[in-house]
Amino acid sequence: MSPLDINLADLIARLDAELPDGSDLAHISEARLRAQTLSDLGDQLIDHYVSKAKRSGASWTEIGDAIGVSKQAAQQRHAPTPFERFTHLNRHGIVLAQEAARTHKHDSIGTEHLLLGLLGEPQGRAYETLVARAGSEQRVRDAVAEVLPPAGTKALRGHIAFREESKTAIEQARDAAAELGHDWVGTEHMLLGLIRVEDSPAAQILRELGFTPEELRETVAARGER
């Protein structure tokens, strides 16, 4: 029995449908990006349950046994990260931001990429808030396209670093959640973190859409987790 309702034929069919005119090489590049996204999601899935097990009192030895690695390896692999309290939607948004940078062959992840990541999570509060104000997802994407740096010449492999402005936005998202007394850091907090980095491309876009930090804070405070 497969643990997931997904199979190779479905993945191939979807990629072929989305790139009907792509060459074999273009399909290979896109397949690699999707494989990386699936791998990142798998890691996040394990991290979620490791954190849950730790909160329930499980030892690192027990967790290592469940994963099939040593206690030391489990501790090293699943040590607390900057995204420890991020919701699964917000973590996936970070993954999508990295893939947006990779797709455009950019060598770093900017706040504009983080904004694209939020647009890739239609179940998130940030997406709802953005589309409600802008009138459509496409209007926000068009605004991001205007500030994106020119595409690079070479696709990057492996980890792509965050720009300093993006690191600040992530820190501001955590701070916003703490200020509101929330135990989680959701997509809505990330949106608030982005607008707080005043000189960033994402903050510029949000202001042009009519948002203010004060209004966004009130919106986030009044809504639940997503």
C-alpha atoms as a PDB file:
ATOM      1  CA  MET A   1       0.000   0.000   0.000  1.00  0.00           C
ATOM      2  CA  SER A   2       1.419   3.397  -0.990  1.00  0.00           C
ATOM      3  CA  PRO A   3       1.670   5.869   1.904  1.00  0.00           C
ATOM      4  CA  LEU A   4       0.692   8.755  -0.385  1.00  0.00           C
ATOM      5  CA  ASP A   5      -2.084   9.242  -2.892  1.00  0.00           C
ATOM      6  CA  ILE A   6       0.431  10.146  -5.573  1.00  0.00           C
ATOM      7  CA  ASN A   7       2.331   8.183  -8.187  1.00  0.00           C
ATOM      8  CA  LEU A   8       4.915   8.674 -10.901  1.00  0.00           C
ATOM      9  CA  ALA A   9       2.327   8.637 -13.701  1.00  0.00           C
ATOM     10  CA  ASP A  10       0.476  11.552 -12.058  1.00  0.00           C
ATOM     11  CA  LEU A  11       3.668  13.578 -11.730  1.00  0.00           C
ATOM     12  CA  ILE A  12       4.621  12.949 -15.359  1.00  0.00           C
ATOM     13  CA  ALA A  13       1.141  13.788 -16.619  1.00  0.00           C
ATOM     14  CA  ARG A  14       1.045  17.057 -14.694  1.00  0.00           C
ATOM     15  CA  LEU A  15       4.485  18.171 -15.853  1.00  0.00           C
ATOM     16  CA  ASP A  16       3.667  17.297 -19.484  1.00  0.00           C
ATOM     17  CA  ALA A  17       0.372  19.207 -19.247  1.00  0.00           C
ATOM     18  CA  GLU A  18       2.072  22.312 -17.819  1.00  0.00           C
ATOM     19  CA  LEU A  19       4.929  22.262 -20.364  1.00  0.00           C
ATOM     20  CA  PRO A  20       3.236  20.943 -23.502  1.00  0.00           C
ATOM     21  CA  ASP A  21       5.726  22.609 -25.836  1.00  0.00           C
ATOM     22  CA  GLY A  22       8.833  22.100 -23.726  1.00  0.00           C
ATOM     23  CA  SER A  23      11.853  20.211 -24.992  1.00  0.00           C
ATOM     24  CA  ASP A  24      13.135  17.047 -23.335  1.00  0.00           C
ATOM     25  CA  LEU A  25      15.884  19.109 -21.694  1.00  0.00           C
ATOM     26  CA  ALA A  26      13.354  21.629 -20.382  1.00  0.00           C
ATOM     27  CA  HIS A  27      11.375  18.747 -18.905  1.00  0.00           C
ATOM     28  CA  ILE A  28      14.516  17.441 -17.200  1.00  0.00           C
ATOM     29  CA  SER A  29      15.231  20.837 -15.615  1.00  0.00           C
ATOM     30  CA  GLU A  30      11.658  21.204 -14.389  1.00  0.00           C
ATOM     31  CA  ALA A  31      11.589  17.619 -13.103  1.00  0.00           C
ATOM     32  CA  ARG A  32      14.728  18.293 -11.068  1.00  0.00           C
ATOM     33  CA  LEU A  33      13.166  21.389  -9.497  1.00  0.00           C
ATOM     34  CA  ARG A  34      10.042  19.452  -8.587  1.00  0.00           C
ATOM     35  CA  ALA A  35      12.078  16.589  -7.177  1.00  0.00           C
ATOM     36  CA  GLN A  36      13.902  19.064  -4.923  1.00  0.00           C
ATOM     37  CA  THR A  37      10.600  20.524  -3.761  1.00  0.00           C
ATOM     38  CA  LEU A  38       9.275  17.050  -2.953  1.00  0.00           C
ATOM     39  CA  SER A  39      12.471  16.269  -1.058  1.00  0.00           C
ATOM     40  CA  ASP A  40      12.210  19.503   0.954  1.00  0.00           C
ATOM     41  CA  LEU A  41       8.576  18.776   1.765  1.00  0.00           C
ATOM     42  CA  GLY A  42       9.522  15.289   2.908  1.00  0.00           C
ATOM     43  CA  ASP A  43      12.123  16.712   5.263  1.00  0.00           C
ATOM     44  CA  GLN A  44       9.574  19.170   6.631  1.00  0.00           C
ATOM     45  CA  LEU A  45       7.082  16.341   7.158  1.00  0.00           C
ATOM     46  CA  ILE A  46       9.600  14.413   9.248  1.00  0.00           C
ATOM     47  CA  ASP A  47      10.601  17.573  11.149  1.00  0.00           C
ATOM     48  CA  HIS A  48       6.958  18.215  12.017  1.00  0.00           C
ATOM     49  CA  TYR A  49       6.534  14.835  13.674  1.00  0.00           C
ATOM     50  CA  VAL A  50       9.948  14.942  15.318  1.00  0.00           C
ATOM     51  CA  SER A  51       8.975  18.232  16.978  1.00  0.00           C
ATOM     52  CA  LYS A  52       5.642  16.735  18.015  1.00  0.00           C
ATOM     53  CA  ALA A  53       7.367  13.673  19.487  1.00  0.00           C
ATOM     54  CA  LYS A  54       9.817  15.850  21.434  1.00  0.00           C
ATOM     55  CA  ARG A  55       6.961  17.887  22.899  1.00  0.00           C
ATOM     56  CA  SER A  56       5.338  14.599  23.949  1.00  0.00           C
ATOM     57  CA  GLY A  57       8.478  13.571  25.817  1.00  0.00           C
ATOM     58  CA  ALA A  58      10.172  11.190  23.370  1.00  0.00           C
ATOM     59  CA  SER A  59      13.951  10.860  23.726  1.00  0.00           C
ATOM     60  CA  TRP A  60      16.443  11.403  20.914  1.00  0.00           C
ATOM     61  CA  THR A  61      17.293   7.711  21.138  1.00  0.00           C
ATOM     62  CA  GLU A  62      13.653   6.783  20.503  1.00  0.00           C
ATOM     63  CA  ILE A  63      13.360   9.286  17.687  1.00  0.00           C
ATOM     64  CA  GLY A  64      16.577   8.011  16.114  1.00  0.00           C
ATOM     65  CA  ASP A  65      15.247   4.456  16.250  1.00  0.00           C
ATOM     66  CA  ALA A  66      12.002   5.567  14.548  1.00  0.00           C
ATOM     67  CA  ILE A  67      13.937   7.295  11.760  1.00  0.00           C
ATOM     68  CA  GLY A  68      16.499   4.522  11.487  1.00  0.00           C
ATOM     69  CA  VAL A  69      19.559   6.547  12.458  1.00  0.00           C
ATOM     70  CA  SER A  70      21.677   7.012  15.579  1.00  0.00           C
ATOM     71  CA  LYS A  71      20.717   9.301  18.438  1.00  0.00           C
ATOM     72  CA  GLN A  72      23.501  11.706  17.460  1.00  0.00           C
ATOM     73  CA  ALA A  73      22.438  11.797  13.809  1.00  0.00           C
ATOM     74  CA  ALA A  74      18.821  12.473  14.782  1.00  0.00           C
ATOM     75  CA  GLN A  75      19.859  15.331  17.061  1.00  0.00           C
ATOM     76  CA  GLN A  76      22.089  16.874  14.417  1.00  0.00           C
ATOM     77  CA  ARG A  77      19.546  16.524  11.621  1.00  0.00           C
ATOM     78  CA  HIS A  78      16.536  17.724  13.587  1.00  0.00           C
ATOM     79  CA  ALA A  79      18.025  20.391  15.823  1.00  0.00           C
ATOM     80  CA  PRO A  80      15.849  23.516  16.181  1.00  0.00           C
ATOM     81  CA  THR A  81      15.924  25.702  13.078  1.00  0.00           C
ATOM     82  CA  PRO A  82      14.928  29.306  12.306  1.00  0.00           C
ATOM     83  CA  PHE A  83      11.614  27.881  11.081  1.00  0.00           C
ATOM     84  CA  GLU A  84      10.886  25.820  14.207  1.00  0.00           C
ATOM     85  CA  ARG A  85       7.464  27.392  14.902  1.00  0.00           C
ATOM     86  CA  PHE A  86       6.508  28.033  11.285  1.00  0.00           C
ATOM     87  CA  THR A  87       3.250  26.431  10.160  1.00  0.00           C
ATOM     88  CA  HIS A  88       3.482  23.834   7.417  1.00  0.00           C
ATOM     89  CA  LEU A  89       1.950  26.304   4.941  1.00  0.00           C
ATOM     90  CA  ASN A  90       4.511  28.941   5.849  1.00  0.00           C
ATOM     91  CA  ARG A  91       7.390  26.448   5.587  1.00  0.00           C
ATOM     92  CA  HIS A  92       6.160  25.408   2.168  1.00  0.00           C
ATOM     93  CA  GLY A  93       6.000  29.070   1.208  1.00  0.00           C
ATOM     94  CA  ILE A  94       9.717  29.304   2.044  1.00  0.00           C
ATOM     95  CA  VAL A  95      10.390  26.299  -0.186  1.00  0.00           C
ATOM     96  CA  LEU A  96       8.408  27.920  -2.995  1.00  0.00           C
ATOM     97  CA  ALA A  97      10.384  31.150  -2.541  1.00  0.00           C
ATOM     98  CA  GLN A  98      13.606  29.192  -3.015  1.00  0.00           C
ATOM     99  CA  GLU A  99      12.209  27.532  -6.126  1.00  0.00           C
ATOM    100  CA  ALA A 100      11.106  30.915  -7.489  1.00  0.00           C
ATOM    101  CA  ALA A 101      14.690  32.159  -7.123  1.00  0.00           C
ATOM    102  CA  ARG A 102      15.989  28.963  -8.723  1.00  0.00           C
ATOM    103  CA  THR A 103      13.524  29.201 -11.623  1.00  0.00           C
ATOM    104  CA  HIS A 104      14.668  32.753 -12.390  1.00  0.00           C
ATOM    105  CA  LYS A 105      18.314  31.691 -11.958  1.00  0.00           C
ATOM    106  CA  HIS A 106      18.832  34.167  -9.116  1.00  0.00           C
ATOM    107  CA  ASP A 107      21.665  33.530  -6.689  1.00  0.00           C
ATOM    108  CA  SER A 108      19.807  34.699  -3.574  1.00  0.00           C
ATOM    109  CA  ILE A 109      16.293  34.764  -2.129  1.00  0.00           C
ATOM    110  CA  GLY A 110      14.855  38.274  -1.862  1.00  0.00           C
ATOM    111  CA  THR A 111      11.658  39.527  -0.269  1.00  0.00           C
ATOM    112  CA  GLU A 112      10.047  39.469  -3.712  1.00  0.00           C
ATOM    113  CA  HIS A 113      10.662  35.720  -3.840  1.00  0.00           C
ATOM    114  CA  LEU A 114       9.152  35.329  -0.355  1.00  0.00           C
ATOM    115  CA  LEU A 115       6.069  37.178  -1.602  1.00  0.00           C
ATOM    116  CA  LEU A 116       5.818  34.767  -4.541  1.00  0.00           C
ATOM    117  CA  GLY A 117       6.090  31.907  -2.056  1.00  0.00           C
ATOM    118  CA  LEU A 118       3.056  33.237  -0.170  1.00  0.00           C
ATOM    119  CA  LEU A 119       1.131  33.446  -3.447  1.00  0.00           C
ATOM    120  CA  GLY A 120       1.904  29.767  -3.990  1.00  0.00           C
ATOM    121  CA  GLU A 121      -0.094  28.838  -0.876  1.00  0.00           C
ATOM    122  CA  PRO A 122      -3.755  29.649  -1.669  1.00  0.00           C
ATOM    123  CA  GLN A 123      -4.880  28.059   1.608  1.00  0.00           C
ATOM    124  CA  GLY A 124      -2.857  30.561   3.636  1.00  0.00           C
ATOM    125  CA  ARG A 125      -4.142  33.697   5.342  1.00  0.00           C
ATOM    126  CA  ALA A 126      -1.536  35.774   3.511  1.00  0.00           C
ATOM    127  CA  TYR A 127      -2.891  34.678   0.138  1.00  0.00           C
ATOM    128  CA  GLU A 128      -6.458  35.525   1.170  1.00  0.00           C
ATOM    129  CA  THR A 129      -5.375  38.936   2.427  1.00  0.00           C
ATOM    130  CA  LEU A 130      -3.359  39.751  -0.690  1.00  0.00           C
ATOM    131  CA  VAL A 131      -6.026  38.709  -3.183  1.00  0.00           C
ATOM    132  CA  ALA A 132      -8.806  40.432  -1.232  1.00  0.00           C
ATOM    133  CA  ARG A 133      -6.946  43.734  -1.435  1.00  0.00           C
ATOM    134  CA  ALA A 134      -5.472  43.401  -4.938  1.00  0.00           C
ATOM    135  CA  GLY A 135      -8.601  41.951  -6.530  1.00  0.00           C
ATOM    136  CA  SER A 136      -6.716  39.069  -8.118  1.00  0.00           C
ATOM    137  CA  GLU A 137      -3.639  36.915  -7.662  1.00  0.00           C
ATOM    138  CA  GLN A 138      -2.395  37.964 -11.093  1.00  0.00           C
ATOM    139  CA  ARG A 139      -2.254  41.631 -10.106  1.00  0.00           C
ATOM    140  CA  VAL A 140       0.126  40.789  -7.266  1.00  0.00           C
ATOM    141  CA  ARG A 141       2.217  38.547  -9.522  1.00  0.00           C
ATOM    142  CA  ASP A 142       2.437  41.322 -12.108  1.00  0.00           C
ATOM    143  CA  ALA A 143       3.641  43.736  -9.419  1.00  0.00           C
ATOM    144  CA  VAL A 144       6.319  41.249  -8.328  1.00  0.00           C
ATOM    145  CA  ALA A 145       7.393  40.697 -11.948  1.00  0.00           C
ATOM    146  CA  GLU A 146       8.113  44.428 -12.258  1.00  0.00           C
ATOM    147  CA  VAL A 147      10.666  44.362  -9.422  1.00  0.00           C
ATOM    148  CA  LEU A 148      12.288  40.974 -10.065  1.00  0.00           C
ATOM    149  CA  PRO A 149      15.964  41.221 -11.028  1.00  0.00           C
ATOM    150  CA  PRO A 150      16.869  40.081 -14.551  1.00  0.00           C
ATOM    151  CA  ALA A 151      17.141  36.328 -14.922  1.00  0.00           C
ATOM    152  CA  GLY A 152      20.605  34.884 -14.406  1.00  0.00           C
ATOM    153  CA  THR A 153      22.524  32.845 -16.917  1.00  0.00           C
ATOM    154  CA  LYS A 154      23.034  29.652 -14.931  1.00  0.00           C
ATOM    155  CA  ALA A 155      20.641  27.625 -12.795  1.00  0.00           C
ATOM    156  CA  LEU A 156      21.908  27.051  -9.274  1.00  0.00           C
ATOM    157  CA  ARG A 157      21.996  23.705  -7.514  1.00  0.00           C
ATOM    158  CA  GLY A 158      21.550  23.023  -3.845  1.00  0.00           C
ATOM    159  CA  HIS A 159      20.896  25.647  -1.196  1.00  0.00           C
ATOM    160  CA  ILE A 160      20.196  29.252  -2.205  1.00  0.00           C
ATOM    161  CA  ALA A 161      21.027  31.844   0.457  1.00  0.00           C
ATOM    162  CA  PHE A 162      18.640  34.474   1.787  1.00  0.00           C
ATOM    163  CA  ARG A 163      19.464  38.126   1.248  1.00  0.00           C
ATOM    164  CA  GLU A 164      19.856  40.179   4.420  1.00  0.00           C
ATOM    165  CA  GLU A 165      16.490  41.856   3.822  1.00  0.00           C
ATOM    166  CA  SER A 166      14.831  38.430   3.663  1.00  0.00           C
ATOM    167  CA  LYS A 167      16.533  37.299   6.871  1.00  0.00           C
ATOM    168  CA  THR A 168      15.216  40.464   8.516  1.00  0.00           C
ATOM    169  CA  ALA A 169      11.708  39.803   7.208  1.00  0.00           C
ATOM    170  CA  ILE A 170      11.787  36.272   8.643  1.00  0.00           C
ATOM    171  CA  GLU A 171      12.967  37.644  11.997  1.00  0.00           C
ATOM    172  CA  GLN A 172      10.222  40.267  11.891  1.00  0.00           C
ATOM    173  CA  ALA A 173       7.656  37.540  11.188  1.00  0.00           C
ATOM    174  CA  ARG A 174       8.770  35.672  14.312  1.00  0.00           C
ATOM    175  CA  ASP A 175       8.710  38.903  16.318  1.00  0.00           C
ATOM    176  CA  ALA A 176       5.221  39.733  15.062  1.00  0.00           C
ATOM    177  CA  ALA A 177       3.916  36.335  16.156  1.00  0.00           C
ATOM    178  CA  ALA A 178       5.494  36.752  19.588  1.00  0.00           C
ATOM    179  CA  GLU A 179       4.077  40.272  19.979  1.00  0.00           C
ATOM    180  CA  LEU A 180       0.593  38.951  19.230  1.00  0.00           C
ATOM    181  CA  GLY A 181       1.014  36.079  21.687  1.00  0.00           C
ATOM    182  CA  HIS A 182       0.782  33.436  18.949  1.00  0.00           C
ATOM    183  CA  ASP A 183       2.581  30.112  19.363  1.00  0.00           C
ATOM    184  CA  TRP A 184       2.893  29.668  15.605  1.00  0.00           C
ATOM    185  CA  VAL A 185       4.396  31.717  12.763  1.00  0.00           C
ATOM    186  CA  GLY A 186       1.959  31.580   9.868  1.00  0.00           C
ATOM    187  CA  THR A 187       1.857  33.020   6.379  1.00  0.00           C
ATOM    188  CA  GLU A 188       0.010  36.014   7.821  1.00  0.00           C
ATOM    189  CA  HIS A 189       2.953  36.776  10.119  1.00  0.00           C
ATOM    190  CA  MET A 190       5.331  36.479   7.159  1.00  0.00           C
ATOM    191  CA  LEU A 191       3.262  39.066   5.303  1.00  0.00           C
ATOM    192  CA  LEU A 192       3.557  41.367   8.301  1.00  0.00           C
ATOM    193  CA  GLY A 193       7.298  40.698   8.464  1.00  0.00           C
ATOM    194  CA  LEU A 194       7.694  41.655   4.806  1.00  0.00           C
ATOM    195  CA  ILE A 195       5.995  45.038   5.109  1.00  0.00           C
ATOM    196  CA  ARG A 196       8.105  45.867   8.167  1.00  0.00           C
ATOM    197  CA  VAL A 197      11.291  45.779   6.060  1.00  0.00           C
ATOM    198  CA  GLU A 198      10.464  49.195   4.668  1.00  0.00           C
ATOM    199  CA  ASP A 199      13.036  49.496   1.891  1.00  0.00           C
ATOM    200  CA  SER A 200      12.500  46.004   0.489  1.00  0.00           C
ATOM    201  CA  PRO A 201      10.815  45.253  -2.863  1.00  0.00           C
ATOM    202  CA  ALA A 202       8.028  43.313  -1.128  1.00  0.00           C
ATOM    203  CA  ALA A 203       7.251  46.197   1.239  1.00  0.00           C
ATOM    204  CA  GLN A 204       7.118  48.545  -1.748  1.00  0.00           C
ATOM    205  CA  ILE A 205       4.608  46.267  -3.490  1.00  0.00           C
ATOM    206  CA  LEU A 206       2.466  45.924  -0.368  1.00  0.00           C
ATOM    207  CA  ARG A 207       2.349  49.702   0.131  1.00  0.00           C
ATOM    208  CA  GLU A 208       1.394  50.193  -3.523  1.00  0.00           C
ATOM    209  CA  LEU A 209      -1.473  47.743  -2.979  1.00  0.00           C
ATOM    210  CA  GLY A 210      -2.663  49.957  -0.147  1.00  0.00           C
ATOM    211  CA  PHE A 211      -1.434  48.038   2.905  1.00  0.00           C
ATOM    212  CA  THR A 212       0.032  49.644   5.989  1.00  0.00           C
ATOM    213  CA  PRO A 213       1.901  47.878   8.827  1.00  0.00           C
ATOM    214  CA  GLU A 214      -0.749  48.964  11.304  1.00  0.00           C
ATOM    215  CA  GLU A 215      -3.650  47.668   9.211  1.00  0.00           C
ATOM    216  CA  LEU A 216      -1.912  44.359   8.544  1.00  0.00           C
ATOM    217  CA  ARG A 217      -1.198  43.906  12.236  1.00  0.00           C
ATOM    218  CA  GLU A 218      -4.878  44.395  13.062  1.00  0.00           C
ATOM    219  CA  THR A 219      -5.849  41.907  10.348  1.00  0.00           C
ATOM    220  CA  VAL A 220      -3.396  39.288  11.606  1.00  0.00           C
ATOM    221  CA  ALA A 221      -4.459  39.793  15.213  1.00  0.00           C
ATOM    222  CA  ALA A 222      -8.094  39.140  14.301  1.00  0.00           C
ATOM    223  CA  ARG A 223      -7.521  35.916  12.358  1.00  0.00           C
ATOM    224  CA  GLY A 224      -6.566  32.364  13.239  1.00  0.00           C
ATOM    225  CA  GLU A 225      -3.648  30.211  12.133  1.00  0.00           C
ATOM    226  CA  ARG A 226      -2.926  29.313   8.500  1.00  0.00           C
END
